[in-house]
Amino acid sequence: MLFLRSCLFQILFYTVTFVLMVLFSPVMLLPRKWGWWVVPTWSKALLFVMRITAGLKVEIRGLENLPKGGYIAALKHQSAWETVALIPLFRSPTFILKRELRWIPIFGWYTAKFKMIPINRGKRSEALAAMMQAAREAIAEKRQIMIFPEGTRRPAGAEPKYKFGIAHLYRDLKCPVVPIAHNAGLYWPRASWMVYPGTIIVEILPPIEPGKTPNAFYETMVEKIEAASDRLIDEARNAPRPSPVLGAADARRAAGQQDPVEG
């Protein structure tokens, strides 16, 4: 039954996305601010699909920690879930994403229309300069910059591998950074067809205000996100139906905590 529910979820996830992108395509003729409503609507539709097909619910903690105006949201990256499900929490978000997503038919048009920030990973210096300029414009427009500091999805419990680029954004934009932790990787694992029922817990942590050195900011951000993410993994053990991925997550955490010489 779990496999069949996962199949139904995966089919509906992409079918609903395609249908809504086609139905909403007339917003391409509207100014960005007038057409933005289609993006959180798409997100809420997929959250509904997740709930009724896969039994996947969500609990949000710490909404009071979201500042007003422009800021950076630094999200833990364990799953495809957080790229979709958290959009309605923000007034006018923009994602920093790889340039190749712009090339996807229809979907790429939406990323351009709503001014997502593409980055060319093949040209680091040019990409950083272009990203910084687009980020400055987003903050000036009081938008929220969504970034996954690890760059790519990491399995729940895996040793973190954060990139330092977000520290440059923090230094140059002089805006708050809101760390966001969750345990979505226990329920919709990275590169997995299976989706497990349960409640994904999202914890929005207090913002890191401007003024720290890049190194101090980076260390603070990593410590906050990782400590909260580990705590949420531990909390998932008390769920009515603990995720079967917990054992693998624990093994990864144990391996990451071993002494490099002895382990």
C-alpha atoms as a PDB file:
ATOM      1  CA  MET A   1       0.000   0.000   0.000  1.00  0.00           C
ATOM      2  CA  LEU A   2       2.810   2.411   0.862  1.00  0.00           C
ATOM      3  CA  PHE A   3       4.391   1.869  -2.544  1.00  0.00           C
ATOM      4  CA  LEU A   4       1.079   2.484  -4.322  1.00  0.00           C
ATOM      5  CA  ARG A   5       0.471   5.672  -2.327  1.00  0.00           C
ATOM      6  CA  SER A   6       3.953   6.865  -3.205  1.00  0.00           C
ATOM      7  CA  CYS A   7       3.306   6.139  -6.882  1.00  0.00           C
ATOM      8  CA  LEU A   8       0.039   8.068  -6.776  1.00  0.00           C
ATOM      9  CA  PHE A   9       1.754  10.979  -5.061  1.00  0.00           C
ATOM     10  CA  GLN A  10       4.598  11.136  -7.568  1.00  0.00           C
ATOM     11  CA  ILE A  11       2.210  10.991 -10.526  1.00  0.00           C
ATOM     12  CA  LEU A  12      -0.090  13.672  -9.124  1.00  0.00           C
ATOM     13  CA  PHE A  13       2.832  15.875  -8.063  1.00  0.00           C
ATOM     14  CA  TYR A  14       4.048  16.292 -11.626  1.00  0.00           C
ATOM     15  CA  THR A  15       0.591  16.166 -13.236  1.00  0.00           C
ATOM     16  CA  VAL A  16      -0.802  18.917 -11.000  1.00  0.00           C
ATOM     17  CA  THR A  17       2.329  20.993 -11.561  1.00  0.00           C
ATOM     18  CA  PHE A  18       2.035  20.740 -15.340  1.00  0.00           C
ATOM     19  CA  VAL A  19      -1.715  21.413 -15.426  1.00  0.00           C
ATOM     20  CA  LEU A  20      -1.451  24.453 -13.155  1.00  0.00           C
ATOM     21  CA  MET A  21       1.481  25.870 -15.126  1.00  0.00           C
ATOM     22  CA  VAL A  22      -0.602  25.669 -18.308  1.00  0.00           C
ATOM     23  CA  LEU A  23      -3.788  27.024 -16.683  1.00  0.00           C
ATOM     24  CA  PHE A  24      -1.932  29.902 -15.041  1.00  0.00           C
ATOM     25  CA  SER A  25       0.139  30.812 -18.107  1.00  0.00           C
ATOM     26  CA  PRO A  26      -1.925  33.995 -18.844  1.00  0.00           C
ATOM     27  CA  VAL A  27      -0.238  35.604 -15.817  1.00  0.00           C
ATOM     28  CA  MET A  28       2.807  35.929 -18.041  1.00  0.00           C
ATOM     29  CA  LEU A  29       1.037  38.967 -19.477  1.00  0.00           C
ATOM     30  CA  LEU A  30       0.600  40.609 -16.070  1.00  0.00           C
ATOM     31  CA  PRO A  31       3.103  42.553 -13.961  1.00  0.00           C
ATOM     32  CA  ARG A  32       5.030  40.273 -11.625  1.00  0.00           C
ATOM     33  CA  LYS A  33       3.391  41.528  -8.437  1.00  0.00           C
ATOM     34  CA  TRP A  34      -0.100  40.981  -9.826  1.00  0.00           C
ATOM     35  CA  GLY A  35       0.632  37.457 -10.961  1.00  0.00           C
ATOM     36  CA  TRP A  36       2.600  36.218  -7.959  1.00  0.00           C
ATOM     37  CA  TRP A  37      -0.483  34.610  -6.365  1.00  0.00           C
ATOM     38  CA  VAL A  38      -0.171  31.642  -8.732  1.00  0.00           C
ATOM     39  CA  VAL A  39       3.063  30.449  -7.060  1.00  0.00           C
ATOM     40  CA  PRO A  40       1.759  30.044  -3.475  1.00  0.00           C
ATOM     41  CA  THR A  41      -1.448  28.601  -4.963  1.00  0.00           C
ATOM     42  CA  TRP A  42       0.612  25.925  -6.715  1.00  0.00           C
ATOM     43  CA  SER A  43       2.488  25.240  -3.472  1.00  0.00           C
ATOM     44  CA  LYS A  44      -0.729  24.885  -1.448  1.00  0.00           C
ATOM     45  CA  ALA A  45      -2.214  22.578  -4.096  1.00  0.00           C
ATOM     46  CA  LEU A  46       0.807  20.286  -3.842  1.00  0.00           C
ATOM     47  CA  LEU A  47       0.676  20.331  -0.037  1.00  0.00           C
ATOM     48  CA  PHE A  48      -2.922  19.145  -0.323  1.00  0.00           C
ATOM     49  CA  VAL A  49      -1.847  16.376  -2.718  1.00  0.00           C
ATOM     50  CA  MET A  50       0.895  15.329  -0.291  1.00  0.00           C
ATOM     51  CA  ARG A  51      -1.565  15.132   2.577  1.00  0.00           C
ATOM     52  CA  ILE A  52      -4.312  13.129   0.870  1.00  0.00           C
ATOM     53  CA  THR A  53      -2.107  10.733  -1.099  1.00  0.00           C
ATOM     54  CA  ALA A  54       1.012  10.234   1.024  1.00  0.00           C
ATOM     55  CA  GLY A  55      -0.283  11.198   4.469  1.00  0.00           C
ATOM     56  CA  LEU A  56       2.388  13.899   4.652  1.00  0.00           C
ATOM     57  CA  LYS A  57       1.539  16.768   7.011  1.00  0.00           C
ATOM     58  CA  VAL A  58       3.524  19.766   8.217  1.00  0.00           C
ATOM     59  CA  GLU A  59       4.033  21.653  11.464  1.00  0.00           C
ATOM     60  CA  ILE A  60       5.584  25.120  11.347  1.00  0.00           C
ATOM     61  CA  ARG A  61       7.310  26.580  14.395  1.00  0.00           C
ATOM     62  CA  GLY A  62       8.784  30.033  14.886  1.00  0.00           C
ATOM     63  CA  LEU A  63       6.770  32.144  12.424  1.00  0.00           C
ATOM     64  CA  GLU A  64       7.330  35.058  14.795  1.00  0.00           C
ATOM     65  CA  ASN A  65      11.033  34.935  13.851  1.00  0.00           C
ATOM     66  CA  LEU A  66      10.393  36.065  10.261  1.00  0.00           C
ATOM     67  CA  PRO A  67      11.382  39.739   9.896  1.00  0.00           C
ATOM     68  CA  LYS A  68       9.452  42.245   7.841  1.00  0.00           C
ATOM     69  CA  GLY A  69      10.932  43.418   4.564  1.00  0.00           C
ATOM     70  CA  GLY A  70      13.942  41.936   2.805  1.00  0.00           C
ATOM     71  CA  TYR A  71      16.138  39.210   4.264  1.00  0.00           C
ATOM     72  CA  ILE A  72      17.882  35.935   3.429  1.00  0.00           C
ATOM     73  CA  ALA A  73      16.272  32.633   4.396  1.00  0.00           C
ATOM     74  CA  ALA A  74      18.934  29.907   4.783  1.00  0.00           C
ATOM     75  CA  LEU A  75      17.208  26.535   4.470  1.00  0.00           C
ATOM     76  CA  LYS A  76      18.394  23.051   5.329  1.00  0.00           C
ATOM     77  CA  HIS A  77      18.342  20.996   2.106  1.00  0.00           C
ATOM     78  CA  GLN A  78      17.335  17.348   2.600  1.00  0.00           C
ATOM     79  CA  SER A  79      14.510  16.812   0.138  1.00  0.00           C
ATOM     80  CA  ALA A  80      12.548  18.167  -2.808  1.00  0.00           C
ATOM     81  CA  TRP A  81       9.863  19.049  -0.280  1.00  0.00           C
ATOM     82  CA  GLU A  82      11.356  22.318   0.970  1.00  0.00           C
ATOM     83  CA  THR A  83      11.736  23.682  -2.568  1.00  0.00           C
ATOM     84  CA  VAL A  84       7.932  23.663  -2.850  1.00  0.00           C
ATOM     85  CA  ALA A  85       6.239  23.576   0.524  1.00  0.00           C
ATOM     86  CA  LEU A  86       7.665  26.653   2.275  1.00  0.00           C
ATOM     87  CA  ILE A  87       6.820  29.234  -0.403  1.00  0.00           C
ATOM     88  CA  PRO A  88       3.533  30.404   1.227  1.00  0.00           C
ATOM     89  CA  LEU A  89       5.446  31.454   4.359  1.00  0.00           C
ATOM     90  CA  PHE A  90       7.033  34.385   2.532  1.00  0.00           C
ATOM     91  CA  ARG A  91       5.516  37.516   1.055  1.00  0.00           C
ATOM     92  CA  SER A  92       7.650  37.805  -2.082  1.00  0.00           C
ATOM     93  CA  PRO A  93      10.417  35.208  -2.180  1.00  0.00           C
ATOM     94  CA  THR A  94      13.043  34.642  -4.828  1.00  0.00           C
ATOM     95  CA  PHE A  95      15.155  31.493  -5.023  1.00  0.00           C
ATOM     96  CA  ILE A  96      18.818  31.331  -5.902  1.00  0.00           C
ATOM     97  CA  LEU A  97      18.861  28.389  -8.314  1.00  0.00           C
ATOM     98  CA  LYS A  98      21.071  26.830 -10.942  1.00  0.00           C
ATOM     99  CA  ARG A  99      20.820  28.461 -14.349  1.00  0.00           C
ATOM    100  CA  GLU A 100      19.862  25.205 -16.096  1.00  0.00           C
ATOM    101  CA  LEU A 101      16.383  25.329 -14.531  1.00  0.00           C
ATOM    102  CA  ARG A 102      15.644  28.325 -16.744  1.00  0.00           C
ATOM    103  CA  TRP A 103      15.894  26.019 -19.739  1.00  0.00           C
ATOM    104  CA  ILE A 104      12.994  23.772 -18.704  1.00  0.00           C
ATOM    105  CA  PRO A 105       9.984  24.523 -20.950  1.00  0.00           C
ATOM    106  CA  ILE A 106       7.166  26.429 -19.218  1.00  0.00           C
ATOM    107  CA  PHE A 107       8.730  26.017 -15.762  1.00  0.00           C
ATOM    108  CA  GLY A 108      11.708  28.091 -16.853  1.00  0.00           C
ATOM    109  CA  TRP A 109       9.393  30.827 -18.075  1.00  0.00           C
ATOM    110  CA  TYR A 110       7.925  31.109 -14.589  1.00  0.00           C
ATOM    111  CA  THR A 111      11.369  31.369 -12.977  1.00  0.00           C
ATOM    112  CA  ALA A 112      12.177  34.262 -15.312  1.00  0.00           C
ATOM    113  CA  LYS A 113       8.787  35.944 -14.879  1.00  0.00           C
ATOM    114  CA  PHE A 114       9.024  35.972 -11.102  1.00  0.00           C
ATOM    115  CA  LYS A 115      12.689  37.014 -11.094  1.00  0.00           C
ATOM    116  CA  MET A 116      14.312  33.969  -9.568  1.00  0.00           C
ATOM    117  CA  ILE A 117      18.087  34.411  -9.343  1.00  0.00           C
ATOM    118  CA  PRO A 118      19.983  32.024 -11.674  1.00  0.00           C
ATOM    119  CA  ILE A 119      23.593  31.119 -11.051  1.00  0.00           C
ATOM    120  CA  ASN A 120      26.074  29.677 -13.557  1.00  0.00           C
ATOM    121  CA  ARG A 121      28.096  27.184 -11.551  1.00  0.00           C
ATOM    122  CA  GLY A 122      30.627  26.858 -14.358  1.00  0.00           C
ATOM    123  CA  LYS A 123      31.834  30.469 -14.052  1.00  0.00           C
ATOM    124  CA  ARG A 124      32.371  31.143 -10.373  1.00  0.00           C
ATOM    125  CA  SER A 125      33.597  34.758 -10.391  1.00  0.00           C
ATOM    126  CA  GLU A 126      31.120  35.954 -13.021  1.00  0.00           C
ATOM    127  CA  ALA A 127      28.321  33.984 -11.393  1.00  0.00           C
ATOM    128  CA  LEU A 128      29.040  35.476  -7.964  1.00  0.00           C
ATOM    129  CA  ALA A 129      29.024  39.034  -9.331  1.00  0.00           C
ATOM    130  CA  ALA A 130      25.753  38.509 -11.219  1.00  0.00           C
ATOM    131  CA  MET A 131      24.147  36.793  -8.221  1.00  0.00           C
ATOM    132  CA  MET A 132      25.217  39.630  -5.908  1.00  0.00           C
ATOM    133  CA  GLN A 133      23.731  42.278  -8.165  1.00  0.00           C
ATOM    134  CA  ALA A 134      20.421  40.394  -8.468  1.00  0.00           C
ATOM    135  CA  ALA A 135      20.388  39.842  -4.696  1.00  0.00           C
ATOM    136  CA  ARG A 136      20.906  43.550  -4.018  1.00  0.00           C
ATOM    137  CA  GLU A 137      17.950  44.351  -6.254  1.00  0.00           C
ATOM    138  CA  ALA A 138      15.795  41.770  -4.466  1.00  0.00           C
ATOM    139  CA  ILE A 139      16.609  43.167  -1.006  1.00  0.00           C
ATOM    140  CA  ALA A 140      15.953  46.706  -2.259  1.00  0.00           C
ATOM    141  CA  GLU A 141      12.506  45.487  -3.349  1.00  0.00           C
ATOM    142  CA  LYS A 142      11.978  44.047   0.162  1.00  0.00           C
ATOM    143  CA  ARG A 143      11.940  40.494  -1.169  1.00  0.00           C
ATOM    144  CA  GLN A 144      13.091  37.364   0.666  1.00  0.00           C
ATOM    145  CA  ILE A 145      16.078  35.522  -0.835  1.00  0.00           C
ATOM    146  CA  MET A 146      15.701  31.756  -0.434  1.00  0.00           C
ATOM    147  CA  ILE A 147      19.006  29.912  -0.474  1.00  0.00           C
ATOM    148  CA  PHE A 148      20.126  26.371   0.281  1.00  0.00           C
ATOM    149  CA  PRO A 149      23.629  26.939   1.706  1.00  0.00           C
ATOM    150  CA  GLU A 150      24.629  23.306   1.173  1.00  0.00           C
ATOM    151  CA  GLY A 151      24.076  23.744  -2.556  1.00  0.00           C
ATOM    152  CA  THR A 152      22.632  20.263  -3.053  1.00  0.00           C
ATOM    153  CA  ARG A 153      20.393  17.923  -1.094  1.00  0.00           C
ATOM    154  CA  ARG A 154      22.050  15.970   1.720  1.00  0.00           C
ATOM    155  CA  PRO A 155      20.449  12.855   3.252  1.00  0.00           C
ATOM    156  CA  ALA A 156      18.963  13.240   6.727  1.00  0.00           C
ATOM    157  CA  GLY A 157      21.725  12.820   9.300  1.00  0.00           C
ATOM    158  CA  ALA A 158      24.552  13.190   6.763  1.00  0.00           C
ATOM    159  CA  GLU A 159      27.624  15.248   7.592  1.00  0.00           C
ATOM    160  CA  PRO A 160      26.843  18.830   6.489  1.00  0.00           C
ATOM    161  CA  LYS A 161      28.717  20.407   3.594  1.00  0.00           C
ATOM    162  CA  TYR A 162      27.831  24.090   3.579  1.00  0.00           C
ATOM    163  CA  LYS A 163      29.200  26.448   0.945  1.00  0.00           C
ATOM    164  CA  PHE A 164      30.738  29.756   2.053  1.00  0.00           C
ATOM    165  CA  GLY A 165      28.977  31.841  -0.604  1.00  0.00           C
ATOM    166  CA  ILE A 166      26.122  32.770   1.726  1.00  0.00           C
ATOM    167  CA  ALA A 167      28.640  34.485   4.032  1.00  0.00           C
ATOM    168  CA  HIS A 168      29.547  36.834   1.165  1.00  0.00           C
ATOM    169  CA  LEU A 169      25.858  37.634   0.679  1.00  0.00           C
ATOM    170  CA  TYR A 170      25.464  38.295   4.401  1.00  0.00           C
ATOM    171  CA  ARG A 171      28.495  40.614   4.458  1.00  0.00           C
ATOM    172  CA  ASP A 172      27.603  42.600   1.348  1.00  0.00           C
ATOM    173  CA  LEU A 173      23.809  42.832   1.659  1.00  0.00           C
ATOM    174  CA  LYS A 174      23.863  43.731   5.360  1.00  0.00           C
ATOM    175  CA  CYS A 175      20.475  42.160   5.983  1.00  0.00           C
ATOM    176  CA  PRO A 176      19.244  39.537   8.476  1.00  0.00           C
ATOM    177  CA  VAL A 177      19.663  35.852   7.707  1.00  0.00           C
ATOM    178  CA  VAL A 178      16.960  33.510   9.015  1.00  0.00           C
ATOM    179  CA  PRO A 179      18.181  29.905   9.530  1.00  0.00           C
ATOM    180  CA  ILE A 180      15.468  27.326   8.843  1.00  0.00           C
ATOM    181  CA  ALA A 181      15.733  23.681   9.912  1.00  0.00           C
ATOM    182  CA  HIS A 182      13.416  20.746   9.218  1.00  0.00           C
ATOM    183  CA  ASN A 183      13.314  16.963   9.031  1.00  0.00           C
ATOM    184  CA  ALA A 184      11.735  16.510   5.579  1.00  0.00           C
ATOM    185  CA  GLY A 185      14.476  14.074   4.572  1.00  0.00           C
ATOM    186  CA  LEU A 186      12.943  11.468   6.883  1.00  0.00           C
ATOM    187  CA  TYR A 187       9.681  11.461   4.950  1.00  0.00           C
ATOM    188  CA  TRP A 188      10.608  12.330   1.363  1.00  0.00           C
ATOM    189  CA  PRO A 189      14.241  11.194   1.160  1.00  0.00           C
ATOM    190  CA  ARG A 190      16.675  12.564  -1.344  1.00  0.00           C
ATOM    191  CA  ALA A 191      16.536  10.762  -4.716  1.00  0.00           C
ATOM    192  CA  SER A 192      13.815   8.413  -3.471  1.00  0.00           C
ATOM    193  CA  TRP A 193      10.571   7.354  -5.129  1.00  0.00           C
ATOM    194  CA  MET A 194       9.092   6.493  -1.739  1.00  0.00           C
ATOM    195  CA  VAL A 195       7.284   9.048   0.393  1.00  0.00           C
ATOM    196  CA  TYR A 196       6.491   8.086   3.980  1.00  0.00           C
ATOM    197  CA  PRO A 197       3.513   9.312   6.029  1.00  0.00           C
ATOM    198  CA  GLY A 198       4.128  11.548   9.004  1.00  0.00           C
ATOM    199  CA  THR A 199       4.494  15.168  10.055  1.00  0.00           C
ATOM    200  CA  ILE A 200       7.396  17.211   8.759  1.00  0.00           C
ATOM    201  CA  ILE A 201       8.466  19.717  11.394  1.00  0.00           C
ATOM    202  CA  VAL A 202       9.893  23.046  10.261  1.00  0.00           C
ATOM    203  CA  GLU A 203      11.661  25.285  12.769  1.00  0.00           C
ATOM    204  CA  ILE A 204      12.238  28.922  11.841  1.00  0.00           C
ATOM    205  CA  LEU A 205      15.098  30.083  14.044  1.00  0.00           C
ATOM    206  CA  PRO A 206      15.796  33.633  15.281  1.00  0.00           C
ATOM    207  CA  PRO A 207      17.475  35.745  12.600  1.00  0.00           C
ATOM    208  CA  ILE A 208      21.206  36.368  12.587  1.00  0.00           C
ATOM    209  CA  GLU A 209      21.441  40.150  12.434  1.00  0.00           C
ATOM    210  CA  PRO A 210      24.029  42.010  10.330  1.00  0.00           C
ATOM    211  CA  GLY A 211      27.340  42.912  11.908  1.00  0.00           C
ATOM    212  CA  LYS A 212      29.211  39.625  12.362  1.00  0.00           C
ATOM    213  CA  THR A 213      32.348  38.811  10.413  1.00  0.00           C
ATOM    214  CA  PRO A 214      31.717  36.370   7.527  1.00  0.00           C
ATOM    215  CA  ASN A 215      33.495  33.550   9.394  1.00  0.00           C
ATOM    216  CA  ALA A 216      31.601  34.159  12.630  1.00  0.00           C
ATOM    217  CA  PHE A 217      28.310  34.344  10.725  1.00  0.00           C
ATOM    218  CA  TYR A 218      29.066  31.121   8.837  1.00  0.00           C
ATOM    219  CA  GLU A 219      29.902  29.187  12.000  1.00  0.00           C
ATOM    220  CA  THR A 220      26.825  30.512  13.791  1.00  0.00           C
ATOM    221  CA  MET A 221      24.510  29.655  10.901  1.00  0.00           C
ATOM    222  CA  VAL A 222      25.824  26.108  10.494  1.00  0.00           C
ATOM    223  CA  GLU A 223      25.656  25.446  14.233  1.00  0.00           C
ATOM    224  CA  LYS A 224      22.070  26.730  14.508  1.00  0.00           C
ATOM    225  CA  ILE A 225      20.710  24.835  11.482  1.00  0.00           C
ATOM    226  CA  GLU A 226      22.497  21.580  12.283  1.00  0.00           C
ATOM    227  CA  ALA A 227      21.620  21.573  15.990  1.00  0.00           C
ATOM    228  CA  ALA A 228      17.946  22.211  15.203  1.00  0.00           C
ATOM    229  CA  SER A 229      17.861  19.659  12.363  1.00  0.00           C
ATOM    230  CA  ASP A 230      19.396  16.975  14.607  1.00  0.00           C
ATOM    231  CA  ARG A 231      16.885  17.819  17.326  1.00  0.00           C
ATOM    232  CA  LEU A 232      13.990  17.453  14.870  1.00  0.00           C
ATOM    233  CA  ILE A 233      15.316  14.084  13.705  1.00  0.00           C
ATOM    234  CA  ASP A 234      15.415  12.947  17.334  1.00  0.00           C
ATOM    235  CA  GLU A 235      11.902  14.268  17.908  1.00  0.00           C
ATOM    236  CA  ALA A 236      10.597  12.216  14.980  1.00  0.00           C
ATOM    237  CA  ARG A 237      11.266   9.043  16.990  1.00  0.00           C
ATOM    238  CA  ASN A 238       8.254   9.861  19.156  1.00  0.00           C
ATOM    239  CA  ALA A 239       5.876  10.081  16.208  1.00  0.00           C
ATOM    240  CA  PRO A 240       2.959   7.583  16.109  1.00  0.00           C
ATOM    241  CA  ARG A 241       4.569   5.995  13.028  1.00  0.00           C
ATOM    242  CA  PRO A 242       8.325   6.689  13.094  1.00  0.00           C
ATOM    243  CA  SER A 243       9.921   7.026   9.682  1.00  0.00           C
ATOM    244  CA  PRO A 244      11.770   3.915   8.446  1.00  0.00           C
ATOM    245  CA  VAL A 245      14.553   6.260   7.335  1.00  0.00           C
ATOM    246  CA  LEU A 246      15.501   7.023  10.957  1.00  0.00           C
ATOM    247  CA  GLY A 247      17.909   4.084  11.202  1.00  0.00           C
ATOM    248  CA  ALA A 248      19.883   5.230   8.168  1.00  0.00           C
ATOM    249  CA  ALA A 249      19.925   8.809   9.483  1.00  0.00           C
ATOM    250  CA  ASP A 250      21.310   7.641  12.822  1.00  0.00           C
ATOM    251  CA  ALA A 251      24.017   5.626  11.069  1.00  0.00           C
ATOM    252  CA  ARG A 252      25.080   8.664   9.038  1.00  0.00           C
ATOM    253  CA  ARG A 253      25.214  10.849  12.144  1.00  0.00           C
ATOM    254  CA  ALA A 254      27.303   8.258  13.997  1.00  0.00           C
ATOM    255  CA  ALA A 255      29.723   8.000  11.073  1.00  0.00           C
ATOM    256  CA  GLY A 256      30.059  11.773  10.902  1.00  0.00           C
ATOM    257  CA  GLN A 257      30.853  12.019  14.619  1.00  0.00           C
ATOM    258  CA  GLN A 258      33.683   9.494  14.495  1.00  0.00           C
ATOM    259  CA  ASP A 259      37.237  10.709  14.861  1.00  0.00           C
ATOM    260  CA  PRO A 260      38.709  10.901  11.301  1.00  0.00           C
ATOM    261  CA  VAL A 261      41.814   8.979  12.392  1.00  0.00           C
ATOM    262  CA  GLU A 262      40.074   6.291  14.359  1.00  0.00           C
ATOM    263  CA  GLY A 263      36.940   6.038  12.221  1.00  0.00           C
END
